[in-house]
Structures are given as C-alpha cells and as structure tokens.
Amino acid sequence: MNDTADLYAVDLSSSQWRKSSYTASNGNCVEVTDIPGSQGIAIRDSKNVDIPAARASRQAWDMFIDAVDHEILS
C-alpha cells in the first residue's frame, strides 16, 4: 500500500471528532480527527457525517491551515 491508501484503510467509527473553533451559529462547520496509527487527519462536514471523510497527511493539513491563516491575516 501507499501512504494515501493507508490513511483510507483506518476505521474512524470510534474517533473523537472536534469542531472548528470558527463554527458558525447555524451549525455549518468542519470537524477533524487524528487518524489512529498514522500521521494523518480526517476532515468531514458536520451536517453530513455519513459522507466519507476526506483524509490528508498531517503535513498537507498543516500547509492548508498555514495558507488559510496567511490569507485571513493579509
């Protein structure tokens, strides 16, 4: 397997999801959880938790967050 396939092989049914600190009052938000046994993170829409979560490496997620922070602060 490759690293991406490994991230999708992990069962997230018992994961502890956390909501974004920027959650809107209408409930539209993103939830994230660490992928057990990996250096990955899973991301899902809190309104549609039955849709499979997107998964990314921790490095890719950190780069995304840095880019968003940079854009917000610009």
PDB file of N, CA and C in Angstrom:
ATOM      1  N   MET A   1       0.834  -1.192   0.000  1.00  0.00           N
ATOM      2  CA  MET A   1       0.000   0.000   0.000  1.00  0.00           C
ATOM      3  C   MET A   1       0.872   1.245   0.000  1.00  0.00           C
ATOM      4  N   ASN A   2       0.242   2.378  -0.353  1.00  0.00           N
ATOM      5  CA  ASN A   2       0.968   3.637  -0.264  1.00  0.00           C
ATOM      6  C   ASN A   2       0.414   4.462   0.899  1.00  0.00           C
ATOM      7  N   ASP A   3       1.043   5.577   1.174  1.00  0.00           N
ATOM      8  CA  ASP A   3       0.649   6.382   2.337  1.00  0.00           C
ATOM      9  C   ASP A   3      -0.804   6.834   2.269  1.00  0.00           C
ATOM     10  N   THR A   4      -1.268   7.256   1.101  1.00  0.00           N
ATOM     11  CA  THR A   4      -2.658   7.715   0.962  1.00  0.00           C
ATOM     12  C   THR A   4      -3.629   6.570   1.191  1.00  0.00           C
ATOM     13  N   ALA A   5      -3.364   5.431   0.600  1.00  0.00           N
ATOM     14  CA  ALA A   5      -4.238   4.271   0.800  1.00  0.00           C
ATOM     15  C   ALA A   5      -4.273   3.873   2.265  1.00  0.00           C
ATOM     16  N   ASP A   6      -3.133   3.967   2.945  1.00  0.00           N
ATOM     17  CA  ASP A   6      -3.089   3.632   4.373  1.00  0.00           C
ATOM     18  C   ASP A   6      -4.009   4.547   5.183  1.00  0.00           C
ATOM     19  N   LEU A   7      -4.078   5.826   4.831  1.00  0.00           N
ATOM     20  CA  LEU A   7      -4.956   6.762   5.548  1.00  0.00           C
ATOM     21  C   LEU A   7      -6.421   6.362   5.403  1.00  0.00           C
ATOM     22  N   TYR A   8      -6.797   5.842   4.232  1.00  0.00           N
ATOM     23  CA  TYR A   8      -8.186   5.461   3.991  1.00  0.00           C
ATOM     24  C   TYR A   8      -8.522   4.070   4.522  1.00  0.00           C
ATOM     25  N   ALA A   9      -7.517   3.299   4.916  1.00  0.00           N
ATOM     26  CA  ALA A   9      -7.749   1.942   5.420  1.00  0.00           C
ATOM     27  C   ALA A   9      -8.187   1.931   6.883  1.00  0.00           C
ATOM     28  N   VAL A  10      -8.030   3.039   7.580  1.00  0.00           N
ATOM     29  CA  VAL A  10      -8.321   3.102   9.014  1.00  0.00           C
ATOM     30  C   VAL A  10      -9.807   3.393   9.252  1.00  0.00           C
ATOM     31  N   ASP A  11     -10.419   2.625  10.149  1.00  0.00           N
ATOM     32  CA  ASP A  11     -11.812   2.816  10.546  1.00  0.00           C
ATOM     33  C   ASP A  11     -11.904   3.991  11.520  1.00  0.00           C
ATOM     34  N   LEU A  12     -12.760   4.956  11.226  1.00  0.00           N
ATOM     35  CA  LEU A  12     -12.898   6.146  12.059  1.00  0.00           C
ATOM     36  C   LEU A  12     -14.180   6.145  12.900  1.00  0.00           C
ATOM     37  N   SER A  13     -14.867   5.014  12.956  1.00  0.00           N
ATOM     38  CA  SER A  13     -16.175   4.978  13.631  1.00  0.00           C
ATOM     39  C   SER A  13     -16.110   5.310  15.116  1.00  0.00           C
ATOM     40  N   SER A  14     -14.985   5.101  15.765  1.00  0.00           N
ATOM     41  CA  SER A  14     -14.894   5.424  17.196  1.00  0.00           C
ATOM     42  C   SER A  14     -14.008   6.646  17.459  1.00  0.00           C
ATOM     43  N   SER A  15     -13.717   7.397  16.415  1.00  0.00           N
ATOM     44  CA  SER A  15     -12.856   8.580  16.559  1.00  0.00           C
ATOM     45  C   SER A  15     -13.568   9.704  17.308  1.00  0.00           C
ATOM     46  N   GLN A  16     -12.779  10.526  17.961  1.00  0.00           N
ATOM     47  CA  GLN A  16     -13.269  11.701  18.663  1.00  0.00           C
ATOM     48  C   GLN A  16     -13.115  12.909  17.732  1.00  0.00           C
ATOM     49  N   TRP A  17     -14.213  13.326  17.132  1.00  0.00           N
ATOM     50  CA  TRP A  17     -14.198  14.446  16.194  1.00  0.00           C
ATOM     51  C   TRP A  17     -14.247  15.760  16.967  1.00  0.00           C
ATOM     52  N   ARG A  18     -13.525  16.789  16.465  1.00  0.00           N
ATOM     53  CA  ARG A  18     -13.559  18.127  17.059  1.00  0.00           C
ATOM     54  C   ARG A  18     -14.051  19.112  16.005  1.00  0.00           C
ATOM     55  N   LYS A  19     -14.895  20.037  16.457  1.00  0.00           N
ATOM     56  CA  LYS A  19     -15.410  21.058  15.551  1.00  0.00           C
ATOM     57  C   LYS A  19     -14.434  22.218  15.462  1.00  0.00           C
ATOM     58  N   SER A  20     -14.463  22.855  14.335  1.00  0.00           N
ATOM     59  CA  SER A  20     -13.639  24.036  14.131  1.00  0.00           C
ATOM     60  C   SER A  20     -13.972  25.105  15.156  1.00  0.00           C
ATOM     61  N   SER A  21     -12.965  25.844  15.576  1.00  0.00           N
ATOM     62  CA  SER A  21     -13.197  26.955  16.516  1.00  0.00           C
ATOM     63  C   SER A  21     -13.909  28.108  15.822  1.00  0.00           C
ATOM     64  N   TYR A  22     -14.027  28.057  14.505  1.00  0.00           N
ATOM     65  CA  TYR A  22     -14.720  29.091  13.745  1.00  0.00           C
ATOM     66  C   TYR A  22     -16.132  28.656  13.349  1.00  0.00           C
ATOM     67  N   THR A  23     -16.714  27.748  14.098  1.00  0.00           N
ATOM     68  CA  THR A  23     -18.043  27.228  13.792  1.00  0.00           C
ATOM     69  C   THR A  23     -19.073  28.346  13.766  1.00  0.00           C
ATOM     70  N   ALA A  24     -19.877  28.350  12.730  1.00  0.00           N
ATOM     71  CA  ALA A  24     -20.944  29.351  12.604  1.00  0.00           C
ATOM     72  C   ALA A  24     -22.098  28.977  13.522  1.00  0.00           C
ATOM     73  N   SER A  25     -22.878  29.962  13.899  1.00  0.00           N
ATOM     74  CA  SER A  25     -24.013  29.711  14.795  1.00  0.00           C
ATOM     75  C   SER A  25     -25.088  28.857  14.120  1.00  0.00           C
ATOM     76  N   ASN A  26     -25.056  28.747  12.791  1.00  0.00           N
ATOM     77  CA  ASN A  26     -26.044  27.935  12.077  1.00  0.00           C
ATOM     78  C   ASN A  26     -25.640  26.468  11.968  1.00  0.00           C
ATOM     79  N   GLY A  27     -24.517  26.102  12.571  1.00  0.00           N
ATOM     80  CA  GLY A  27     -24.086  24.706  12.570  1.00  0.00           C
ATOM     81  C   GLY A  27     -23.264  24.286  11.376  1.00  0.00           C
ATOM     82  N   ASN A  28     -23.037  25.206  10.439  1.00  0.00           N
ATOM     83  CA  ASN A  28     -22.207  24.888   9.276  1.00  0.00           C
ATOM     84  C   ASN A  28     -20.745  24.910   9.690  1.00  0.00           C
ATOM     85  N   CYS A  29     -20.165  23.740   9.810  1.00  0.00           N
ATOM     86  CA  CYS A  29     -18.773  23.709  10.242  1.00  0.00           C
ATOM     87  C   CYS A  29     -18.066  22.460   9.752  1.00  0.00           C
ATOM     88  N   VAL A  30     -16.797  22.447  10.013  1.00  0.00           N
ATOM     89  CA  VAL A  30     -15.923  21.339   9.655  1.00  0.00           C
ATOM     90  C   VAL A  30     -15.495  20.662  10.942  1.00  0.00           C
ATOM     91  N   GLU A  31     -15.400  19.334  10.899  1.00  0.00           N
ATOM     92  CA  GLU A  31     -14.882  18.565  12.029  1.00  0.00           C
ATOM     93  C   GLU A  31     -13.621  17.833  11.578  1.00  0.00           C
ATOM     94  N   VAL A  32     -12.695  17.679  12.502  1.00  0.00           N
ATOM     95  CA  VAL A  32     -11.446  16.975  12.212  1.00  0.00           C
ATOM     96  C   VAL A  32     -11.157  15.947  13.303  1.00  0.00           C
ATOM     97  N   THR A  33     -10.383  14.945  12.940  1.00  0.00           N
ATOM     98  CA  THR A  33      -9.908  13.958  13.910  1.00  0.00           C
ATOM     99  C   THR A  33      -8.566  13.421  13.430  1.00  0.00           C
ATOM    100  N   ASP A  34      -7.741  13.051  14.367  1.00  0.00           N
ATOM    101  CA  ASP A  34      -6.494  12.382  14.015  1.00  0.00           C
ATOM    102  C   ASP A  34      -6.821  10.966  13.558  1.00  0.00           C
ATOM    103  N   ILE A  35      -6.088  10.484  12.580  1.00  0.00           N
ATOM    104  CA  ILE A  35      -6.268   9.113  12.108  1.00  0.00           C
ATOM    105  C   ILE A  35      -5.348   8.232  12.940  1.00  0.00           C
ATOM    106  N   PRO A  36      -5.922   7.311  13.722  1.00  0.00           N
ATOM    107  CA  PRO A  36      -5.112   6.466  14.609  1.00  0.00           C
ATOM    108  C   PRO A  36      -4.025   5.694  13.865  1.00  0.00           C
ATOM    109  N   GLY A  37      -2.853   5.653  14.467  1.00  0.00           N
ATOM    110  CA  GLY A  37      -1.754   4.872  13.917  1.00  0.00           C
ATOM    111  C   GLY A  37      -1.111   5.471  12.682  1.00  0.00           C
ATOM    112  N   SER A  38      -1.359   6.757  12.449  1.00  0.00           N
ATOM    113  CA  SER A  38      -0.782   7.387  11.257  1.00  0.00           C
ATOM    114  C   SER A  38      -0.429   8.837  11.555  1.00  0.00           C
ATOM    115  N   GLN A  39       0.169   9.455  10.579  1.00  0.00           N
ATOM    116  CA  GLN A  39       0.435  10.888  10.636  1.00  0.00           C
ATOM    117  C   GLN A  39      -0.579  11.603   9.757  1.00  0.00           C
ATOM    118  N   GLY A  40      -1.847  11.199   9.905  1.00  0.00           N
ATOM    119  CA  GLY A  40      -2.902  11.753   9.061  1.00  0.00           C
ATOM    120  C   GLY A  40      -4.024  12.371   9.857  1.00  0.00           C
ATOM    121  N   ILE A  41      -4.875  13.074   9.129  1.00  0.00           N
ATOM    122  CA  ILE A  41      -6.034  13.722   9.719  1.00  0.00           C
ATOM    123  C   ILE A  41      -7.226  13.512   8.783  1.00  0.00           C
ATOM    124  N   ALA A  42      -8.394  13.382   9.370  1.00  0.00           N
ATOM    125  CA  ALA A  42      -9.615  13.237   8.586  1.00  0.00           C
ATOM    126  C   ALA A  42     -10.469  14.483   8.796  1.00  0.00           C
ATOM    127  N   ILE A  43     -11.164  14.904   7.737  1.00  0.00           N
ATOM    128  CA  ILE A  43     -11.956  16.120   7.749  1.00  0.00           C
ATOM    129  C   ILE A  43     -13.339  15.772   7.218  1.00  0.00           C
ATOM    130  N   ARG A  44     -14.388  16.264   7.904  1.00  0.00           N
ATOM    131  CA  ARG A  44     -15.745  15.992   7.425  1.00  0.00           C
ATOM    132  C   ARG A  44     -16.649  17.193   7.673  1.00  0.00           C
ATOM    133  N   ASP A  45     -17.770  17.182   6.993  1.00  0.00           N
ATOM    134  CA  ASP A  45     -18.816  18.193   7.140  1.00  0.00           C
ATOM    135  C   ASP A  45     -19.711  17.756   8.293  1.00  0.00           C
ATOM    136  N   SER A  46     -19.860  18.592   9.303  1.00  0.00           N
ATOM    137  CA  SER A  46     -20.633  18.201  10.481  1.00  0.00           C
ATOM    138  C   SER A  46     -22.110  17.963  10.176  1.00  0.00           C
ATOM    139  N   LYS A  47     -22.620  18.522   9.086  1.00  0.00           N
ATOM    140  CA  LYS A  47     -24.023  18.306   8.727  1.00  0.00           C
ATOM    141  C   LYS A  47     -24.236  16.992   7.985  1.00  0.00           C
ATOM    142  N   ASN A  48     -23.177  16.446   7.414  1.00  0.00           N
ATOM    143  CA  ASN A  48     -23.271  15.243   6.590  1.00  0.00           C
ATOM    144  C   ASN A  48     -22.246  14.204   7.044  1.00  0.00           C
ATOM    145  N   VAL A  49     -22.371  13.759   8.278  1.00  0.00           N
ATOM    146  CA  VAL A  49     -21.366  12.851   8.846  1.00  0.00           C
ATOM    147  C   VAL A  49     -21.379  11.461   8.212  1.00  0.00           C
ATOM    148  N   ASP A  50     -22.420  11.133   7.451  1.00  0.00           N
ATOM    149  CA  ASP A  50     -22.460   9.829   6.791  1.00  0.00           C
ATOM    150  C   ASP A  50     -21.660   9.802   5.495  1.00  0.00           C
ATOM    151  N   ILE A  51     -21.291  10.979   4.986  1.00  0.00           N
ATOM    152  CA  ILE A  51     -20.442  11.042   3.797  1.00  0.00           C
ATOM    153  C   ILE A  51     -19.015  10.752   4.257  1.00  0.00           C
ATOM    154  N   PRO A  52     -18.295   9.892   3.561  1.00  0.00           N
ATOM    155  CA  PRO A  52     -16.925   9.565   3.989  1.00  0.00           C
ATOM    156  C   PRO A  52     -16.060  10.824   4.146  1.00  0.00           C
ATOM    157  N   ALA A  53     -15.275  10.841   5.169  1.00  0.00           N
ATOM    158  CA  ALA A  53     -14.394  11.974   5.456  1.00  0.00           C
ATOM    159  C   ALA A  53     -13.240  12.021   4.460  1.00  0.00           C
ATOM    160  N   ALA A  54     -12.841  13.234   4.134  1.00  0.00           N
ATOM    161  CA  ALA A  54     -11.609  13.418   3.361  1.00  0.00           C
ATOM    162  C   ALA A  54     -10.444  13.143   4.306  1.00  0.00           C
ATOM    163  N   ARG A  55      -9.361  12.664   3.779  1.00  0.00           N
ATOM    164  CA  ARG A  55      -8.199  12.346   4.617  1.00  0.00           C
ATOM    165  C   ARG A  55      -6.953  12.930   3.972  1.00  0.00           C
ATOM    166  N   ALA A  56      -6.059  13.397   4.815  1.00  0.00           N
ATOM    167  CA  ALA A  56      -4.826  14.017   4.336  1.00  0.00           C
ATOM    168  C   ALA A  56      -3.701  13.743   5.315  1.00  0.00           C
ATOM    169  N   SER A  57      -2.485  13.883   4.828  1.00  0.00           N
ATOM    170  CA  SER A  57      -1.341  13.763   5.729  1.00  0.00           C
ATOM    171  C   SER A  57      -1.340  14.960   6.672  1.00  0.00           C
ATOM    172  N   ARG A  58      -0.735  14.798   7.811  1.00  0.00           N
ATOM    173  CA  ARG A  58      -0.613  15.903   8.771  1.00  0.00           C
ATOM    174  C   ARG A  58       0.129  17.071   8.115  1.00  0.00           C
ATOM    175  N   GLN A  59       1.154  16.770   7.325  1.00  0.00           N
ATOM    176  CA  GLN A  59       1.924  17.812   6.657  1.00  0.00           C
ATOM    177  C   GLN A  59       1.038  18.605   5.692  1.00  0.00           C
ATOM    178  N   ALA A  60       0.223  17.922   4.901  1.00  0.00           N
ATOM    179  CA  ALA A  60      -0.662  18.612   3.960  1.00  0.00           C
ATOM    180  C   ALA A  60      -1.688  19.459   4.712  1.00  0.00           C
ATOM    181  N   TRP A  61      -2.242  18.925   5.799  1.00  0.00           N
ATOM    182  CA  TRP A  61      -3.216  19.672   6.591  1.00  0.00           C
ATOM    183  C   TRP A  61      -2.580  20.928   7.188  1.00  0.00           C
ATOM    184  N   ASP A  62      -1.382  20.787   7.744  1.00  0.00           N
ATOM    185  CA  ASP A  62      -0.692  21.941   8.330  1.00  0.00           C
ATOM    186  C   ASP A  62      -0.407  23.007   7.274  1.00  0.00           C
ATOM    187  N   MET A  63      -0.039  22.588   6.072  1.00  0.00           N
ATOM    188  CA  MET A  63       0.203  23.544   4.987  1.00  0.00           C
ATOM    189  C   MET A  63      -1.090  24.262   4.607  1.00  0.00           C
ATOM    190  N   PHE A  64      -2.203  23.543   4.583  1.00  0.00           N
ATOM    191  CA  PHE A  64      -3.503  24.146   4.285  1.00  0.00           C
ATOM    192  C   PHE A  64      -3.870  25.182   5.348  1.00  0.00           C
ATOM    193  N   ILE A  65      -3.733  24.817   6.614  1.00  0.00           N
ATOM    194  CA  ILE A  65      -4.066  25.735   7.709  1.00  0.00           C
ATOM    195  C   ILE A  65      -3.174  26.976   7.650  1.00  0.00           C
ATOM    196  N   ASP A  66      -1.881  26.799   7.400  1.00  0.00           N
ATOM    197  CA  ASP A  66      -0.972  27.941   7.278  1.00  0.00           C
ATOM    198  C   ASP A  66      -1.403  28.872   6.141  1.00  0.00           C
ATOM    199  N   ALA A  67      -1.808  28.297   5.004  1.00  0.00           N
ATOM    200  CA  ALA A  67      -2.243  29.107   3.860  1.00  0.00           C
ATOM    201  C   ALA A  67      -3.520  29.881   4.195  1.00  0.00           C
ATOM    202  N   VAL A  68      -4.461  29.235   4.872  1.00  0.00           N
ATOM    203  CA  VAL A  68      -5.697  29.910   5.267  1.00  0.00           C
ATOM    204  C   VAL A  68      -5.396  31.027   6.254  1.00  0.00           C
ATOM    205  N   ASP A  69      -4.565  30.754   7.255  1.00  0.00           N
ATOM    206  CA  ASP A  69      -4.182  31.786   8.233  1.00  0.00           C
ATOM    207  C   ASP A  69      -3.530  32.966   7.522  1.00  0.00           C
ATOM    208  N   HIS A  70      -2.661  32.690   6.589  1.00  0.00           N
ATOM    209  CA  HIS A  70      -1.968  33.751   5.861  1.00  0.00           C
ATOM    210  C   HIS A  70      -2.968  34.612   5.097  1.00  0.00           C
ATOM    211  N   GLU A  71      -3.938  33.941   4.446  1.00  0.00           N
ATOM    212  CA  GLU A  71      -4.942  34.660   3.653  1.00  0.00           C
ATOM    213  C   GLU A  71      -5.842  35.510   4.548  1.00  0.00           C
ATOM    214  N   ILE A  72      -6.223  34.996   5.689  1.00  0.00           N
ATOM    215  CA  ILE A  72      -7.090  35.727   6.612  1.00  0.00           C
ATOM    216  C   ILE A  72      -6.358  36.938   7.175  1.00  0.00           C
ATOM    217  N   LEU A  73      -5.090  36.775   7.487  1.00  0.00           N
ATOM    218  CA  LEU A  73      -4.321  37.856   8.115  1.00  0.00           C
ATOM    219  C   LEU A  73      -3.834  38.887   7.100  1.00  0.00           C
ATOM    220  N   SER A  74      -3.933  38.585   5.806  1.00  0.00           N
ATOM    221  CA  SER A  74      -3.458  39.533   4.780  1.00  0.00           C
ATOM    222  C   SER A  74      -4.425  40.664   4.559  1.00  0.00           C
TER     223      SER A  74
END
